[in-house]
Amino acid sequence: MYHIYIDSGTSNSKLYLVKGKRSVDTIIANVGTKDSAISGSNDVLLSGLKEIYDRVLEKNSLQERDIESIWLSGMVTNPFGIIEVVHISTPVDAKKLLEQRYVHFEEKYFHRDLNLIPGVKTAQRGQIVTMENIHQMNNVRGEEIEVVGMVARGVIPKEEDCVMISPGSHTHLLYVKNGTITDIVSNFTGELNYAIKKDTILGGEMTNEDIILTKEYILQGYHMVKTYGLARALYIIHATKVFDVCENEIRNCLLSGIISGGVIDMLKYKVDREWRGVKKAVIIGGKNYIEAYKILTQHILPEIDVEIVSSRAGESFGLYGYLELARILEEG
């Protein structure tokens, strides 16, 4: 028998056809919850997911009866996803994630049960969130299954305290202790970078390429924001164009240092106070801009071992996480 696992995000969805303990085929679609939000209906998401589901069946000469189960993770459980599912509260490990999956019968397109993997939040069940404790509240959707996969593959050592850094529109720091997600800190990063480049004068003074970063200028950007604050640091970047003192690529590095530096300052704050056992930081991803997080972690927290990791081609840590859940389910 076969199984389907779909990792669905804001803009893209990736479907894996799984047989046994490995993926035998993959299809990617440019559809996500952003499309549902724009259209005002999740029909566009569901129809897009059903389309790639039908394609993988046809491509592999399979029938509906050949698919034993369908699993999805990521943004499918948010208000613009398939159905809104509340986050589960930390601490969360693979077993808890499996036990609290949400089984949803989708009647319009799939006409069958879908196993939805919920996101994770730091707010505890029944806890009232106020202005006094909002700074402690964080949540993720999708990173939780990646952590399960990283623990299962030994990328995150089960016997060590570790931080998983997940750069993106919102960069998340997940504190993993004994293989369990214990705490989360979320940061507004990629969206800030996008807004600055799209809607300010700095957009015309930088390159849109994913350039190789230079350590010297990453650190200079970080020290600018630490010394002068965000507003002044951003203007200094503009001044380098006005006075023609550097190239666009250097301005990109300065901005990366400014934005990413705040994230690693937050990491240091947590390590100094609450995550004191952390010995390793794992940064997930394969793009050049992610190097800024490694440079800054090594500079700000030199006692922590830092590693950038990516999955094998055609696979993902989300897939590895699903395979771990499937293993636990099979073993009972």
C-alpha atoms as a PDB file:
ATOM      1  CA  MET A   1       0.000   0.000   0.000  1.00  0.00           C
ATOM      2  CA  TYR A   2       0.938   3.632  -0.555  1.00  0.00           C
ATOM      3  CA  HIS A   3       0.583   6.739   1.565  1.00  0.00           C
ATOM      4  CA  ILE A   4       0.509  10.439   0.670  1.00  0.00           C
ATOM      5  CA  TYR A   5       2.274  13.159   2.637  1.00  0.00           C
ATOM      6  CA  ILE A   6       1.773  16.826   1.665  1.00  0.00           C
ATOM      7  CA  ASP A   7       3.788  19.719   3.077  1.00  0.00           C
ATOM      8  CA  SER A   8       1.687  22.798   2.289  1.00  0.00           C
ATOM      9  CA  GLY A   9       2.932  26.308   2.938  1.00  0.00           C
ATOM     10  CA  THR A  10       1.910  29.879   2.223  1.00  0.00           C
ATOM     11  CA  SER A  11       2.784  29.807  -1.487  1.00  0.00           C
ATOM     12  CA  ASN A  12       3.719  26.222  -2.423  1.00  0.00           C
ATOM     13  CA  SER A  13       2.741  22.654  -1.647  1.00  0.00           C
ATOM     14  CA  LYS A  14       4.874  19.544  -2.048  1.00  0.00           C
ATOM     15  CA  LEU A  15       3.329  16.080  -2.331  1.00  0.00           C
ATOM     16  CA  TYR A  16       5.242  12.876  -1.609  1.00  0.00           C
ATOM     17  CA  LEU A  17       4.083   9.430  -2.668  1.00  0.00           C
ATOM     18  CA  VAL A  18       5.364   7.084   0.025  1.00  0.00           C
ATOM     19  CA  LYS A  19       5.773   3.332  -0.185  1.00  0.00           C
ATOM     20  CA  GLY A  20       7.279   1.488   2.725  1.00  0.00           C
ATOM     21  CA  LYS A  21       9.742   3.819   4.381  1.00  0.00           C
ATOM     22  CA  ARG A  22      10.680   6.051   1.471  1.00  0.00           C
ATOM     23  CA  SER A  23       9.315   8.551  -1.017  1.00  0.00           C
ATOM     24  CA  VAL A  24       8.956   7.106  -4.521  1.00  0.00           C
ATOM     25  CA  ASP A  25       7.608  10.208  -6.283  1.00  0.00           C
ATOM     26  CA  THR A  26       7.195  13.934  -5.674  1.00  0.00           C
ATOM     27  CA  ILE A  27       5.080  16.705  -7.194  1.00  0.00           C
ATOM     28  CA  ILE A  28       5.239  20.428  -6.364  1.00  0.00           C
ATOM     29  CA  ALA A  29       2.370  22.873  -6.934  1.00  0.00           C
ATOM     30  CA  ASN A  30       2.368  26.655  -6.730  1.00  0.00           C
ATOM     31  CA  VAL A  31      -0.645  26.745  -4.435  1.00  0.00           C
ATOM     32  CA  GLY A  32      -0.885  27.571  -0.744  1.00  0.00           C
ATOM     33  CA  THR A  33      -2.895  29.387   1.885  1.00  0.00           C
ATOM     34  CA  LYS A  34      -1.999  32.753   0.348  1.00  0.00           C
ATOM     35  CA  ASP A  35      -4.241  31.841  -2.579  1.00  0.00           C
ATOM     36  CA  SER A  36      -7.113  31.032  -0.214  1.00  0.00           C
ATOM     37  CA  ALA A  37      -6.633  34.328   1.600  1.00  0.00           C
ATOM     38  CA  ILE A  38      -6.700  36.288  -1.661  1.00  0.00           C
ATOM     39  CA  SER A  39      -9.739  34.492  -3.086  1.00  0.00           C
ATOM     40  CA  GLY A  40     -11.652  34.397   0.188  1.00  0.00           C
ATOM     41  CA  SER A  41     -12.233  30.641  -0.115  1.00  0.00           C
ATOM     42  CA  ASN A  42     -10.146  27.524   0.454  1.00  0.00           C
ATOM     43  CA  ASP A  43     -11.533  25.972  -2.742  1.00  0.00           C
ATOM     44  CA  VAL A  44      -8.454  27.119  -4.646  1.00  0.00           C
ATOM     45  CA  LEU A  45      -6.194  25.351  -2.139  1.00  0.00           C
ATOM     46  CA  LEU A  46      -8.215  22.144  -2.008  1.00  0.00           C
ATOM     47  CA  SER A  47      -8.625  21.935  -5.770  1.00  0.00           C
ATOM     48  CA  GLY A  48      -4.897  22.532  -6.246  1.00  0.00           C
ATOM     49  CA  LEU A  49      -4.004  19.801  -3.759  1.00  0.00           C
ATOM     50  CA  LYS A  50      -6.484  17.409  -5.335  1.00  0.00           C
ATOM     51  CA  GLU A  51      -4.994  18.133  -8.760  1.00  0.00           C
ATOM     52  CA  ILE A  52      -1.477  17.050  -7.737  1.00  0.00           C
ATOM     53  CA  TYR A  53      -2.949  14.074  -5.874  1.00  0.00           C
ATOM     54  CA  ASP A  54      -4.708  12.930  -9.047  1.00  0.00           C
ATOM     55  CA  ARG A  55      -1.558  13.555 -11.088  1.00  0.00           C
ATOM     56  CA  VAL A  56       0.637  11.393  -8.880  1.00  0.00           C
ATOM     57  CA  LEU A  57      -1.910   8.578  -8.993  1.00  0.00           C
ATOM     58  CA  GLU A  58      -2.135   8.738 -12.774  1.00  0.00           C
ATOM     59  CA  LYS A  59       1.639   9.016 -13.179  1.00  0.00           C
ATOM     60  CA  ASN A  60       2.171   5.870 -11.098  1.00  0.00           C
ATOM     61  CA  SER A  61      -0.818   3.912 -12.481  1.00  0.00           C
ATOM     62  CA  LEU A  62      -2.522   3.857  -9.077  1.00  0.00           C
ATOM     63  CA  GLN A  63      -6.166   3.879  -8.021  1.00  0.00           C
ATOM     64  CA  GLU A  64      -7.785   5.583  -5.051  1.00  0.00           C
ATOM     65  CA  ARG A  65      -7.936   2.236  -3.244  1.00  0.00           C
ATOM     66  CA  ASP A  66      -4.139   1.949  -3.417  1.00  0.00           C
ATOM     67  CA  ILE A  67      -3.708   4.939  -1.084  1.00  0.00           C
ATOM     68  CA  GLU A  68      -4.047   3.846   2.521  1.00  0.00           C
ATOM     69  CA  SER A  69      -3.820   7.299   4.101  1.00  0.00           C
ATOM     70  CA  ILE A  70      -3.223  10.988   3.383  1.00  0.00           C
ATOM     71  CA  TRP A  71      -1.261  13.206   5.772  1.00  0.00           C
ATOM     72  CA  LEU A  72      -0.720  16.959   5.616  1.00  0.00           C
ATOM     73  CA  SER A  73       1.317  19.450   7.630  1.00  0.00           C
ATOM     74  CA  GLY A  74       2.138  23.142   7.506  1.00  0.00           C
ATOM     75  CA  MET A  75      -0.342  25.923   6.859  1.00  0.00           C
ATOM     76  CA  VAL A  76      -3.282  23.591   6.104  1.00  0.00           C
ATOM     77  CA  THR A  77      -4.466  23.973   9.705  1.00  0.00           C
ATOM     78  CA  ASN A  78      -4.597  27.780   9.728  1.00  0.00           C
ATOM     79  CA  PRO A  79      -7.800  29.797   9.071  1.00  0.00           C
ATOM     80  CA  PHE A  80      -7.085  29.907   5.315  1.00  0.00           C
ATOM     81  CA  GLY A  81      -6.118  26.239   5.111  1.00  0.00           C
ATOM     82  CA  ILE A  82      -8.249  23.129   4.807  1.00  0.00           C
ATOM     83  CA  ILE A  83      -9.762  23.621   8.250  1.00  0.00           C
ATOM     84  CA  GLU A  84      -8.564  25.613  11.243  1.00  0.00           C
ATOM     85  CA  VAL A  85      -7.060  23.378  13.909  1.00  0.00           C
ATOM     86  CA  VAL A  86      -5.861  24.822  17.201  1.00  0.00           C
ATOM     87  CA  HIS A  87      -2.170  24.585  17.987  1.00  0.00           C
ATOM     88  CA  ILE A  88      -1.103  22.066  20.605  1.00  0.00           C
ATOM     89  CA  SER A  89       0.828  23.401  23.578  1.00  0.00           C
ATOM     90  CA  THR A  90       4.485  22.828  24.370  1.00  0.00           C
ATOM     91  CA  PRO A  91       6.144  20.544  25.318  1.00  0.00           C
ATOM     92  CA  VAL A  92       5.659  18.491  22.128  1.00  0.00           C
ATOM     93  CA  ASP A  93       7.457  15.393  20.885  1.00  0.00           C
ATOM     94  CA  ALA A  94       6.712  12.993  18.030  1.00  0.00           C
ATOM     95  CA  LYS A  95       4.339  10.848  20.078  1.00  0.00           C
ATOM     96  CA  LYS A  96       2.253  13.817  21.228  1.00  0.00           C
ATOM     97  CA  LEU A  97       2.116  15.208  17.693  1.00  0.00           C
ATOM     98  CA  LEU A  98       0.837  11.863  16.429  1.00  0.00           C
ATOM     99  CA  GLU A  99      -1.713  11.439  19.210  1.00  0.00           C
ATOM    100  CA  GLN A 100      -3.132  14.930  18.669  1.00  0.00           C
ATOM    101  CA  ARG A 101      -3.393  14.804  14.877  1.00  0.00           C
ATOM    102  CA  TYR A 102      -6.728  16.014  13.561  1.00  0.00           C
ATOM    103  CA  VAL A 103      -8.627  13.615  11.314  1.00  0.00           C
ATOM    104  CA  HIS A 104     -10.845  15.581   8.930  1.00  0.00           C
ATOM    105  CA  PHE A 105     -13.249  14.057   6.424  1.00  0.00           C
ATOM    106  CA  GLU A 106     -12.944  16.301   3.362  1.00  0.00           C
ATOM    107  CA  GLU A 107     -16.182  15.879   1.460  1.00  0.00           C
ATOM    108  CA  LYS A 108     -15.889  18.282  -1.464  1.00  0.00           C
ATOM    109  CA  TYR A 109     -12.717  17.197  -3.295  1.00  0.00           C
ATOM    110  CA  PHE A 110     -11.031  14.208  -1.641  1.00  0.00           C
ATOM    111  CA  HIS A 111     -14.108  12.471  -0.200  1.00  0.00           C
ATOM    112  CA  ARG A 112     -12.005  10.771   2.444  1.00  0.00           C
ATOM    113  CA  ASP A 113     -10.197  11.290   5.741  1.00  0.00           C
ATOM    114  CA  LEU A 114      -7.200  13.611   5.836  1.00  0.00           C
ATOM    115  CA  ASN A 115      -4.757  13.394   8.745  1.00  0.00           C
ATOM    116  CA  LEU A 116      -3.798  16.974   9.627  1.00  0.00           C
ATOM    117  CA  ILE A 117      -0.702  17.576  11.745  1.00  0.00           C
ATOM    118  CA  PRO A 118      -1.342  20.585  14.006  1.00  0.00           C
ATOM    119  CA  GLY A 119       1.014  23.428  14.759  1.00  0.00           C
ATOM    120  CA  VAL A 120       2.559  24.121  18.147  1.00  0.00           C
ATOM    121  CA  LYS A 121       2.192  27.095  20.501  1.00  0.00           C
ATOM    122  CA  THR A 122       3.765  28.153  23.779  1.00  0.00           C
ATOM    123  CA  ALA A 123       0.454  29.248  25.321  1.00  0.00           C
ATOM    124  CA  GLN A 124      -0.761  26.512  27.639  1.00  0.00           C
ATOM    125  CA  ARG A 125      -4.236  25.024  27.530  1.00  0.00           C
ATOM    126  CA  GLY A 126      -6.666  27.352  29.277  1.00  0.00           C
ATOM    127  CA  GLN A 127      -4.066  30.090  29.696  1.00  0.00           C
ATOM    128  CA  ILE A 128      -5.389  33.608  29.239  1.00  0.00           C
ATOM    129  CA  VAL A 129      -3.172  35.695  26.970  1.00  0.00           C
ATOM    130  CA  THR A 130      -2.858  39.343  28.007  1.00  0.00           C
ATOM    131  CA  MET A 131      -0.703  42.350  27.253  1.00  0.00           C
ATOM    132  CA  GLU A 132       1.356  41.356  30.287  1.00  0.00           C
ATOM    133  CA  ASN A 133       2.325  37.917  28.954  1.00  0.00           C
ATOM    134  CA  ILE A 134       2.037  38.338  25.173  1.00  0.00           C
ATOM    135  CA  HIS A 135       5.845  38.531  24.907  1.00  0.00           C
ATOM    136  CA  GLN A 136       5.960  34.870  25.957  1.00  0.00           C
ATOM    137  CA  MET A 137       3.552  33.702  23.243  1.00  0.00           C
ATOM    138  CA  ASN A 138       4.816  32.136  20.038  1.00  0.00           C
ATOM    139  CA  ASN A 139       3.607  29.567  17.544  1.00  0.00           C
ATOM    140  CA  VAL A 140       4.671  27.598  14.483  1.00  0.00           C
ATOM    141  CA  ARG A 141       2.987  25.571  11.755  1.00  0.00           C
ATOM    142  CA  GLY A 142       5.244  23.203   9.838  1.00  0.00           C
ATOM    143  CA  GLU A 143       8.450  23.565  11.837  1.00  0.00           C
ATOM    144  CA  GLU A 144       7.194  21.044  14.412  1.00  0.00           C
ATOM    145  CA  ILE A 145       7.184  18.147  11.930  1.00  0.00           C
ATOM    146  CA  GLU A 146      10.618  19.237  10.673  1.00  0.00           C
ATOM    147  CA  VAL A 147      11.992  18.996  14.214  1.00  0.00           C
ATOM    148  CA  VAL A 148      10.538  15.487  14.534  1.00  0.00           C
ATOM    149  CA  GLY A 149      12.341  14.561  11.312  1.00  0.00           C
ATOM    150  CA  MET A 150      15.610  16.127  12.429  1.00  0.00           C
ATOM    151  CA  VAL A 151      15.520  14.287  15.744  1.00  0.00           C
ATOM    152  CA  ALA A 152      14.685  11.011  13.989  1.00  0.00           C
ATOM    153  CA  ARG A 153      17.633  11.422  11.598  1.00  0.00           C
ATOM    154  CA  GLY A 154      20.057  12.460  14.339  1.00  0.00           C
ATOM    155  CA  VAL A 155      20.510  15.993  12.994  1.00  0.00           C
ATOM    156  CA  ILE A 156      19.240  17.217  16.354  1.00  0.00           C
ATOM    157  CA  PRO A 157      20.915  15.013  18.993  1.00  0.00           C
ATOM    158  CA  LYS A 158      18.342  13.552  21.370  1.00  0.00           C
ATOM    159  CA  GLU A 159      20.770  13.637  24.292  1.00  0.00           C
ATOM    160  CA  GLU A 160      21.663  17.355  23.880  1.00  0.00           C
ATOM    161  CA  ASP A 161      19.794  20.614  24.260  1.00  0.00           C
ATOM    162  CA  CYS A 162      19.604  22.177  20.809  1.00  0.00           C
ATOM    163  CA  VAL A 163      18.041  25.145  19.021  1.00  0.00           C
ATOM    164  CA  MET A 164      16.566  24.771  15.563  1.00  0.00           C
ATOM    165  CA  ILE A 165      16.671  28.062  13.639  1.00  0.00           C
ATOM    166  CA  SER A 166      14.155  28.192  10.795  1.00  0.00           C
ATOM    167  CA  PRO A 167      14.680  31.335   8.662  1.00  0.00           C
ATOM    168  CA  GLY A 168      11.806  32.588   6.527  1.00  0.00           C
ATOM    169  CA  SER A 169       9.065  35.201   6.466  1.00  0.00           C
ATOM    170  CA  HIS A 170       9.046  34.701  10.229  1.00  0.00           C
ATOM    171  CA  THR A 171      12.237  33.226  11.636  1.00  0.00           C
ATOM    172  CA  HIS A 172      11.498  30.756  14.424  1.00  0.00           C
ATOM    173  CA  LEU A 173      13.799  29.532  17.169  1.00  0.00           C
ATOM    174  CA  LEU A 174      12.695  26.166  18.563  1.00  0.00           C
ATOM    175  CA  TYR A 175      14.298  24.971  21.783  1.00  0.00           C
ATOM    176  CA  VAL A 176      14.551  21.176  21.662  1.00  0.00           C
ATOM    177  CA  LYS A 177      15.372  19.294  24.869  1.00  0.00           C
ATOM    178  CA  ASN A 178      15.666  15.491  24.821  1.00  0.00           C
ATOM    179  CA  GLY A 179      13.968  15.407  21.428  1.00  0.00           C
ATOM    180  CA  THR A 180      11.018  17.487  22.658  1.00  0.00           C
ATOM    181  CA  ILE A 181      10.024  20.996  21.532  1.00  0.00           C
ATOM    182  CA  THR A 182      10.062  22.851  24.834  1.00  0.00           C
ATOM    183  CA  ASP A 183       9.923  26.521  23.836  1.00  0.00           C
ATOM    184  CA  ILE A 184       9.597  28.731  20.750  1.00  0.00           C
ATOM    185  CA  VAL A 185      10.569  32.302  19.882  1.00  0.00           C
ATOM    186  CA  SER A 186       9.220  33.795  16.644  1.00  0.00           C
ATOM    187  CA  ASN A 187      10.655  36.833  14.849  1.00  0.00           C
ATOM    188  CA  PHE A 188       9.464  39.146  12.054  1.00  0.00           C
ATOM    189  CA  THR A 189      12.278  38.902   9.511  1.00  0.00           C
ATOM    190  CA  GLY A 190      11.635  37.900   5.903  1.00  0.00           C
ATOM    191  CA  GLU A 191       8.520  40.032   5.723  1.00  0.00           C
ATOM    192  CA  LEU A 192      10.467  43.005   7.081  1.00  0.00           C
ATOM    193  CA  ASN A 193      13.198  42.450   4.505  1.00  0.00           C
ATOM    194  CA  TYR A 194      10.575  42.218   1.746  1.00  0.00           C
ATOM    195  CA  ALA A 195       8.775  45.386   2.878  1.00  0.00           C
ATOM    196  CA  ILE A 196      12.009  47.383   3.065  1.00  0.00           C
ATOM    197  CA  LYS A 197      13.068  46.314  -0.418  1.00  0.00           C
ATOM    198  CA  LYS A 198       9.618  46.748  -1.958  1.00  0.00           C
ATOM    199  CA  ASP A 199       8.299  49.923  -0.388  1.00  0.00           C
ATOM    200  CA  THR A 200      11.300  52.066   0.590  1.00  0.00           C
ATOM    201  CA  ILE A 201      14.045  53.876  -1.261  1.00  0.00           C
ATOM    202  CA  LEU A 202      16.451  51.112  -0.245  1.00  0.00           C
ATOM    203  CA  GLY A 203      14.762  48.796  -2.723  1.00  0.00           C
ATOM    204  CA  GLY A 204      16.457  50.561  -5.613  1.00  0.00           C
ATOM    205  CA  GLU A 205      19.818  50.511  -3.875  1.00  0.00           C
ATOM    206  CA  MET A 206      20.173  46.741  -3.468  1.00  0.00           C
ATOM    207  CA  THR A 207      20.237  43.606  -5.573  1.00  0.00           C
ATOM    208  CA  ASN A 208      17.368  41.118  -5.627  1.00  0.00           C
ATOM    209  CA  GLU A 209      19.761  38.191  -6.086  1.00  0.00           C
ATOM    210  CA  ASP A 210      20.456  35.650  -3.341  1.00  0.00           C
ATOM    211  CA  ILE A 211      24.084  36.698  -3.119  1.00  0.00           C
ATOM    212  CA  ILE A 212      26.963  35.085  -1.239  1.00  0.00           C
ATOM    213  CA  LEU A 213      27.278  37.076   1.972  1.00  0.00           C
ATOM    214  CA  THR A 214      30.454  38.681   3.305  1.00  0.00           C
ATOM    215  CA  LYS A 215      31.125  38.239   7.023  1.00  0.00           C
ATOM    216  CA  GLU A 216      32.716  41.697   7.425  1.00  0.00           C
ATOM    217  CA  TYR A 217      29.591  43.523   6.265  1.00  0.00           C
ATOM    218  CA  ILE A 218      27.135  41.230   8.054  1.00  0.00           C
ATOM    219  CA  LEU A 219      28.881  42.114  11.300  1.00  0.00           C
ATOM    220  CA  GLN A 220      29.073  45.797  10.365  1.00  0.00           C
ATOM    221  CA  GLY A 221      25.313  45.883   9.831  1.00  0.00           C
ATOM    222  CA  TYR A 222      24.772  44.176  13.179  1.00  0.00           C
ATOM    223  CA  HIS A 223      27.015  46.647  15.021  1.00  0.00           C
ATOM    224  CA  MET A 224      25.262  49.562  13.287  1.00  0.00           C
ATOM    225  CA  VAL A 225      21.855  48.562  14.636  1.00  0.00           C
ATOM    226  CA  LYS A 226      23.286  47.808  18.089  1.00  0.00           C
ATOM    227  CA  THR A 227      24.976  51.211  18.237  1.00  0.00           C
ATOM    228  CA  TYR A 228      22.507  53.510  16.515  1.00  0.00           C
ATOM    229  CA  GLY A 229      19.141  51.727  16.532  1.00  0.00           C
ATOM    230  CA  LEU A 230      17.049  50.477  13.620  1.00  0.00           C
ATOM    231  CA  ALA A 231      15.958  53.790  12.072  1.00  0.00           C
ATOM    232  CA  ARG A 232      19.470  55.239  11.973  1.00  0.00           C
ATOM    233  CA  ALA A 233      21.062  51.972  10.807  1.00  0.00           C
ATOM    234  CA  LEU A 234      18.699  51.807   7.833  1.00  0.00           C
ATOM    235  CA  TYR A 235      19.496  55.392   6.923  1.00  0.00           C
ATOM    236  CA  ILE A 236      23.219  54.644   7.039  1.00  0.00           C
ATOM    237  CA  ILE A 237      22.605  51.993   4.380  1.00  0.00           C
ATOM    238  CA  HIS A 238      20.915  54.654   2.250  1.00  0.00           C
ATOM    239  CA  ALA A 239      23.810  57.044   2.915  1.00  0.00           C
ATOM    240  CA  THR A 240      26.255  54.547   1.419  1.00  0.00           C
ATOM    241  CA  LYS A 241      24.386  55.018  -1.864  1.00  0.00           C
ATOM    242  CA  VAL A 242      24.134  58.799  -1.564  1.00  0.00           C
ATOM    243  CA  PHE A 243      27.879  59.092  -0.981  1.00  0.00           C
ATOM    244  CA  ASP A 244      28.756  56.230  -3.325  1.00  0.00           C
ATOM    245  CA  VAL A 245      30.920  54.316  -0.869  1.00  0.00           C
ATOM    246  CA  CYS A 246      29.983  50.714  -1.721  1.00  0.00           C
ATOM    247  CA  GLU A 247      28.181  48.408  -4.132  1.00  0.00           C
ATOM    248  CA  ASN A 248      24.593  47.159  -3.911  1.00  0.00           C
ATOM    249  CA  GLU A 249      25.744  43.724  -2.744  1.00  0.00           C
ATOM    250  CA  ILE A 250      27.401  45.250   0.328  1.00  0.00           C
ATOM    251  CA  ARG A 251      24.180  47.060   1.204  1.00  0.00           C
ATOM    252  CA  ASN A 252      22.412  43.688   1.071  1.00  0.00           C
ATOM    253  CA  CYS A 253      24.915  42.338   3.579  1.00  0.00           C
ATOM    254  CA  LEU A 254      24.422  45.309   5.890  1.00  0.00           C
ATOM    255  CA  LEU A 255      20.647  44.823   5.844  1.00  0.00           C
ATOM    256  CA  SER A 256      21.039  41.099   6.551  1.00  0.00           C
ATOM    257  CA  GLY A 257      23.168  41.923   9.568  1.00  0.00           C
ATOM    258  CA  ILE A 258      20.592  44.409  10.828  1.00  0.00           C
ATOM    259  CA  ILE A 259      17.593  42.075  10.516  1.00  0.00           C
ATOM    260  CA  SER A 260      19.227  38.755  11.403  1.00  0.00           C
ATOM    261  CA  GLY A 261      21.188  40.257  14.277  1.00  0.00           C
ATOM    262  CA  GLY A 262      18.036  40.932  16.250  1.00  0.00           C
ATOM    263  CA  VAL A 263      17.122  37.258  16.009  1.00  0.00           C
ATOM    264  CA  ILE A 264      20.468  36.085  17.360  1.00  0.00           C
ATOM    265  CA  ASP A 265      20.361  38.728  20.107  1.00  0.00           C
ATOM    266  CA  MET A 266      17.045  37.142  21.097  1.00  0.00           C
ATOM    267  CA  LEU A 267      18.669  33.716  21.018  1.00  0.00           C
ATOM    268  CA  LYS A 268      21.413  34.941  23.353  1.00  0.00           C
ATOM    269  CA  TYR A 269      18.784  36.409  25.691  1.00  0.00           C
ATOM    270  CA  LYS A 270      17.062  33.018  25.951  1.00  0.00           C
ATOM    271  CA  VAL A 271      20.298  31.022  26.274  1.00  0.00           C
ATOM    272  CA  ASP A 272      21.545  33.307  29.073  1.00  0.00           C
ATOM    273  CA  ARG A 273      18.281  33.021  31.039  1.00  0.00           C
ATOM    274  CA  GLU A 274      16.202  29.960  30.159  1.00  0.00           C
ATOM    275  CA  TRP A 275      17.888  27.743  27.547  1.00  0.00           C
ATOM    276  CA  ARG A 276      21.147  27.400  29.482  1.00  0.00           C
ATOM    277  CA  GLY A 277      21.891  23.857  28.382  1.00  0.00           C
ATOM    278  CA  VAL A 278      22.037  24.660  24.667  1.00  0.00           C
ATOM    279  CA  LYS A 279      25.225  23.400  23.051  1.00  0.00           C
ATOM    280  CA  LYS A 280      24.212  23.310  19.399  1.00  0.00           C
ATOM    281  CA  ALA A 281      22.229  25.405  16.918  1.00  0.00           C
ATOM    282  CA  VAL A 282      20.948  23.867  13.702  1.00  0.00           C
ATOM    283  CA  ILE A 283      19.934  26.256  10.907  1.00  0.00           C
ATOM    284  CA  ILE A 284      17.625  24.745   8.312  1.00  0.00           C
ATOM    285  CA  GLY A 285      17.729  25.769   4.655  1.00  0.00           C
ATOM    286  CA  GLY A 286      19.803  25.977   1.523  1.00  0.00           C
ATOM    287  CA  LYS A 287      19.814  29.613   0.398  1.00  0.00           C
ATOM    288  CA  ASN A 288      22.785  31.949   0.690  1.00  0.00           C
ATOM    289  CA  TYR A 289      21.062  34.488   2.956  1.00  0.00           C
ATOM    290  CA  ILE A 290      20.855  31.877   5.724  1.00  0.00           C
ATOM    291  CA  GLU A 291      24.629  32.180   6.192  1.00  0.00           C
ATOM    292  CA  ALA A 292      23.992  35.457   8.056  1.00  0.00           C
ATOM    293  CA  TYR A 293      22.471  33.516  10.944  1.00  0.00           C
ATOM    294  CA  LYS A 294      25.522  31.272  11.189  1.00  0.00           C
ATOM    295  CA  ILE A 295      27.944  34.215  11.052  1.00  0.00           C
ATOM    296  CA  LEU A 296      26.046  36.078  13.765  1.00  0.00           C
ATOM    297  CA  THR A 297      25.555  33.048  16.032  1.00  0.00           C
ATOM    298  CA  GLN A 298      29.291  32.321  15.905  1.00  0.00           C
ATOM    299  CA  HIS A 299      29.982  35.981  16.730  1.00  0.00           C
ATOM    300  CA  ILE A 300      27.409  36.470  19.495  1.00  0.00           C
ATOM    301  CA  LEU A 301      27.400  32.937  20.971  1.00  0.00           C
ATOM    302  CA  PRO A 302      30.866  31.523  20.196  1.00  0.00           C
ATOM    303  CA  GLU A 303      30.405  28.718  22.734  1.00  0.00           C
ATOM    304  CA  ILE A 304      27.606  27.151  20.656  1.00  0.00           C
ATOM    305  CA  ASP A 305      28.308  24.786  17.774  1.00  0.00           C
ATOM    306  CA  VAL A 306      26.466  26.018  14.649  1.00  0.00           C
ATOM    307  CA  GLU A 307      25.538  23.989  11.593  1.00  0.00           C
ATOM    308  CA  ILE A 308      23.505  24.723   8.449  1.00  0.00           C
ATOM    309  CA  VAL A 309      21.624  21.619   7.333  1.00  0.00           C
ATOM    310  CA  SER A 310      19.453  20.657   4.383  1.00  0.00           C
ATOM    311  CA  SER A 311      17.670  17.462   3.427  1.00  0.00           C
ATOM    312  CA  ARG A 312      18.600  15.164   0.572  1.00  0.00           C
ATOM    313  CA  ALA A 313      17.540  16.293  -2.906  1.00  0.00           C
ATOM    314  CA  GLY A 314      13.849  15.628  -3.505  1.00  0.00           C
ATOM    315  CA  GLU A 315      13.147  15.110   0.181  1.00  0.00           C
ATOM    316  CA  SER A 316      12.582  17.294   3.254  1.00  0.00           C
ATOM    317  CA  PHE A 317      12.802  17.166   7.016  1.00  0.00           C
ATOM    318  CA  GLY A 318       9.004  17.374   7.004  1.00  0.00           C
ATOM    319  CA  LEU A 319       8.955  14.111   5.055  1.00  0.00           C
ATOM    320  CA  TYR A 320      11.366  12.552   7.558  1.00  0.00           C
ATOM    321  CA  GLY A 321       9.061  13.727  10.338  1.00  0.00           C
ATOM    322  CA  TYR A 322       6.041  12.108   8.697  1.00  0.00           C
ATOM    323  CA  LEU A 323       8.001   8.859   8.246  1.00  0.00           C
ATOM    324  CA  GLU A 324       8.813   8.918  11.961  1.00  0.00           C
ATOM    325  CA  LEU A 325       5.122   9.355  12.841  1.00  0.00           C
ATOM    326  CA  ALA A 326       4.284   6.477  10.497  1.00  0.00           C
ATOM    327  CA  ARG A 327       6.900   4.315  12.226  1.00  0.00           C
ATOM    328  CA  ILE A 328       5.479   5.061  15.672  1.00  0.00           C
ATOM    329  CA  LEU A 329       1.943   4.380  14.441  1.00  0.00           C
ATOM    330  CA  GLU A 330       2.967   1.070  12.884  1.00  0.00           C
ATOM    331  CA  GLU A 331       4.783  -0.092  15.995  1.00  0.00           C
ATOM    332  CA  GLY A 332       1.799   0.848  18.143  1.00  0.00           C
END
